Amino acid sequence: MNTGLFIFYYHPGIQFRRGQDRFPTERTELMDMLSTAHFSATPEPTTFIVNVIHAHPGKQEEAFRIIQDVVHYVAERKEGFLWSNLAKSTDGKTVVNIEAIRDAGNVDEFFSDPVFREKFSKLDEVSTFEFHTYSVGDLILPKLGQQG
């Protein structure tokens, strides 16, 4: 039995021809999905949430754990969730959640869940934050190494 770790990143320029919109649960499913992926020259209508969390002094790890718990809750229960990247600044001051969702209406759906609201409100104890919703306006891919 192969228990190796594999990581899969969704990119808004990659399409899955069979309409799959969830992460694979088995390695064979991942390989099957990757074999059907292709790039699109135009951006897909993806909506992003960018939440910059300004941790109180010494509270970056706690803020990270709180938003990590929130995102895992959403990932396990909400159809509109696509993916999330969580990052900590190297200066120990901020945490960033960049999250892709199906559309802006998912934000209201998430916040209408009382368990979500309770989990999210814990950020108030350890931080302040800026929460914004974005729509993709352009997809820019690297030009280095391309012929022509």
Protein backbone atom coordinates (compact mmCIF):
# COMPACT_ATOMS: atom_id res chain seq x y z
CA MET A 1 0.00 0.00 0.00
CA ASN A 2 1.43 3.35 -1.04
CA THR A 3 0.93 5.91 1.70
CA GLY A 4 3.03 8.61 0.03
CA LEU A 5 1.91 12.19 0.36
CA PHE A 6 0.74 14.04 -2.70
CA ILE A 7 -0.25 17.69 -2.91
CA PHE A 8 -2.69 19.03 -5.46
CA TYR A 9 -3.14 22.72 -6.24
CA TYR A 10 -6.11 24.01 -8.19
CA HIS A 11 -5.25 26.89 -10.50
CA PRO A 12 -7.98 29.03 -12.08
CA GLY A 13 -6.40 28.47 -15.51
CA ILE A 14 -6.70 24.68 -15.29
CA GLN A 15 -9.94 23.07 -16.38
CA PHE A 16 -11.16 19.54 -15.68
CA ARG A 17 -13.08 18.29 -18.70
CA ARG A 18 -15.40 16.02 -16.77
CA GLY A 19 -16.64 18.84 -14.54
CA GLN A 20 -14.94 17.59 -11.40
CA ASP A 21 -14.78 20.37 -8.83
CA ARG A 22 -13.52 18.63 -5.72
CA PHE A 23 -10.17 17.34 -4.59
CA PRO A 24 -9.50 13.69 -5.34
CA THR A 25 -9.72 11.20 -2.50
CA GLU A 26 -7.52 8.47 -4.02
CA ARG A 27 -4.18 8.67 -5.83
CA THR A 28 -5.67 6.98 -8.92
CA GLU A 29 -8.45 9.58 -8.98
CA LEU A 30 -5.85 12.35 -8.81
CA MET A 31 -3.88 10.87 -11.70
CA ASP A 32 -7.07 10.50 -13.73
CA MET A 33 -8.02 14.14 -13.08
CA LEU A 34 -4.54 15.40 -13.98
CA SER A 35 -4.58 13.47 -17.24
CA THR A 36 -7.67 15.47 -18.31
CA ALA A 37 -6.41 18.90 -17.24
CA HIS A 38 -5.68 21.62 -19.77
CA PHE A 39 -4.86 25.31 -19.64
CA SER A 40 -7.20 28.06 -20.69
CA ALA A 41 -5.91 31.35 -22.09
CA THR A 42 -8.66 33.33 -20.39
CA PRO A 43 -9.42 33.57 -16.68
CA GLU A 44 -12.28 31.55 -15.31
CA PRO A 45 -14.96 33.39 -13.31
CA THR A 46 -13.50 32.46 -9.92
CA THR A 47 -14.24 34.44 -6.78
CA PHE A 48 -11.54 34.84 -4.17
CA ILE A 49 -11.69 35.74 -0.51
CA VAL A 50 -8.56 37.42 0.80
CA ASN A 51 -8.46 37.73 4.56
CA VAL A 52 -5.38 39.46 5.95
CA ILE A 53 -5.27 38.75 9.67
CA HIS A 54 -3.17 41.17 11.74
CA ALA A 55 -2.23 39.14 14.80
CA HIS A 56 -1.83 40.80 18.18
CA PRO A 57 1.82 40.60 19.36
CA GLY A 58 2.83 37.00 19.96
CA LYS A 59 -0.49 35.64 18.66
CA GLN A 60 0.36 34.68 15.05
CA GLU A 61 0.35 30.93 15.71
CA GLU A 62 -2.97 31.12 17.53
CA ALA A 63 -4.49 33.22 14.74
CA PHE A 64 -3.21 30.68 12.21
CA ARG A 65 -4.78 27.77 14.12
CA ILE A 66 -8.11 29.60 14.38
CA ILE A 67 -8.39 30.41 10.67
CA GLN A 68 -7.14 26.91 9.84
CA ASP A 69 -10.01 25.47 11.91
CA VAL A 70 -12.48 27.79 10.16
CA VAL A 71 -11.26 26.83 6.68
CA HIS A 72 -11.28 23.11 7.46
CA TYR A 73 -14.85 23.46 8.73
CA VAL A 74 -15.89 25.15 5.47
CA ALA A 75 -13.94 22.68 3.30
CA GLU A 76 -15.73 19.74 4.90
CA ARG A 77 -19.25 21.17 4.74
CA LYS A 78 -19.76 23.87 2.12
CA GLU A 79 -20.30 23.10 -1.57
CA GLY A 80 -19.12 26.57 -2.65
CA PHE A 81 -15.62 26.06 -1.25
CA LEU A 82 -12.96 25.31 -3.90
CA TRP A 83 -9.58 25.68 -2.13
CA SER A 84 -7.59 27.79 0.29
CA ASN A 85 -3.97 28.79 0.83
CA LEU A 86 -3.06 29.76 4.39
CA ALA A 87 0.22 31.58 4.95
CA LYS A 88 2.09 33.16 7.86
CA SER A 89 4.29 36.20 7.35
CA THR A 90 7.93 35.71 8.23
CA ASP A 91 7.85 38.75 10.54
CA GLY A 92 5.31 37.06 12.84
CA LYS A 93 2.67 39.75 12.36
CA THR A 94 0.09 38.47 9.87
CA VAL A 95 -1.71 35.42 8.56
CA VAL A 96 -3.34 35.39 5.12
CA ASN A 97 -6.18 33.21 3.88
CA ILE A 98 -6.57 33.26 0.09
CA GLU A 99 -9.64 31.19 -0.63
CA ALA A 100 -11.37 30.36 -3.90
CA ILE A 101 -15.14 29.98 -3.83
CA ARG A 102 -17.74 29.51 -6.55
CA ASP A 103 -19.32 32.94 -6.27
CA ALA A 104 -19.71 35.92 -3.96
CA GLY A 105 -23.01 34.55 -2.64
CA ASN A 106 -21.07 31.81 -0.86
CA VAL A 107 -19.80 34.41 1.63
CA ASP A 108 -23.35 35.00 2.91
CA GLU A 109 -23.91 31.24 2.96
CA PHE A 110 -20.81 30.68 5.11
CA PHE A 111 -21.67 33.51 7.54
CA SER A 112 -25.27 32.30 7.89
CA ASP A 113 -23.92 29.15 9.58
CA PRO A 114 -23.87 29.73 13.37
CA VAL A 115 -20.99 27.28 13.92
CA PHE A 116 -18.93 29.08 11.25
CA ARG A 117 -19.68 32.46 12.86
CA GLU A 118 -18.66 31.16 16.29
CA LYS A 119 -15.38 29.75 14.98
CA PHE A 120 -14.64 32.89 12.92
CA SER A 121 -15.38 35.22 15.85
CA LYS A 122 -12.47 33.70 17.79
CA LEU A 123 -10.19 35.75 15.54
CA ASP A 124 -11.40 38.86 17.40
CA GLU A 125 -9.58 37.65 20.53
CA VAL A 126 -6.15 37.43 18.85
CA SER A 127 -6.25 39.80 15.88
CA THR A 128 -7.85 42.37 13.68
CA PHE A 129 -8.43 41.54 10.04
CA GLU A 130 -9.26 42.84 6.56
CA PHE A 131 -11.73 40.66 4.65
CA HIS A 132 -12.37 41.34 0.95
CA THR A 133 -14.03 39.47 -1.94
CA TYR A 134 -12.47 39.58 -5.41
CA SER A 135 -13.39 38.42 -8.91
CA VAL A 136 -10.63 37.36 -11.30
CA GLY A 137 -9.90 40.10 -13.81
CA ASP A 138 -6.83 38.67 -15.50
CA LEU A 139 -4.75 35.50 -15.47
CA ILE A 140 -1.05 36.08 -16.14
CA LEU A 141 1.18 33.09 -16.75
CA PRO A 142 5.01 33.14 -16.92
CA LYS A 143 6.57 34.06 -20.28
CA LEU A 144 10.10 32.89 -19.46
CA GLY A 145 11.34 30.04 -21.60
CA GLN A 146 8.54 30.25 -24.16
CA GLN A 147 9.54 30.04 -27.82
CA GLY A 148 8.09 32.33 -30.40
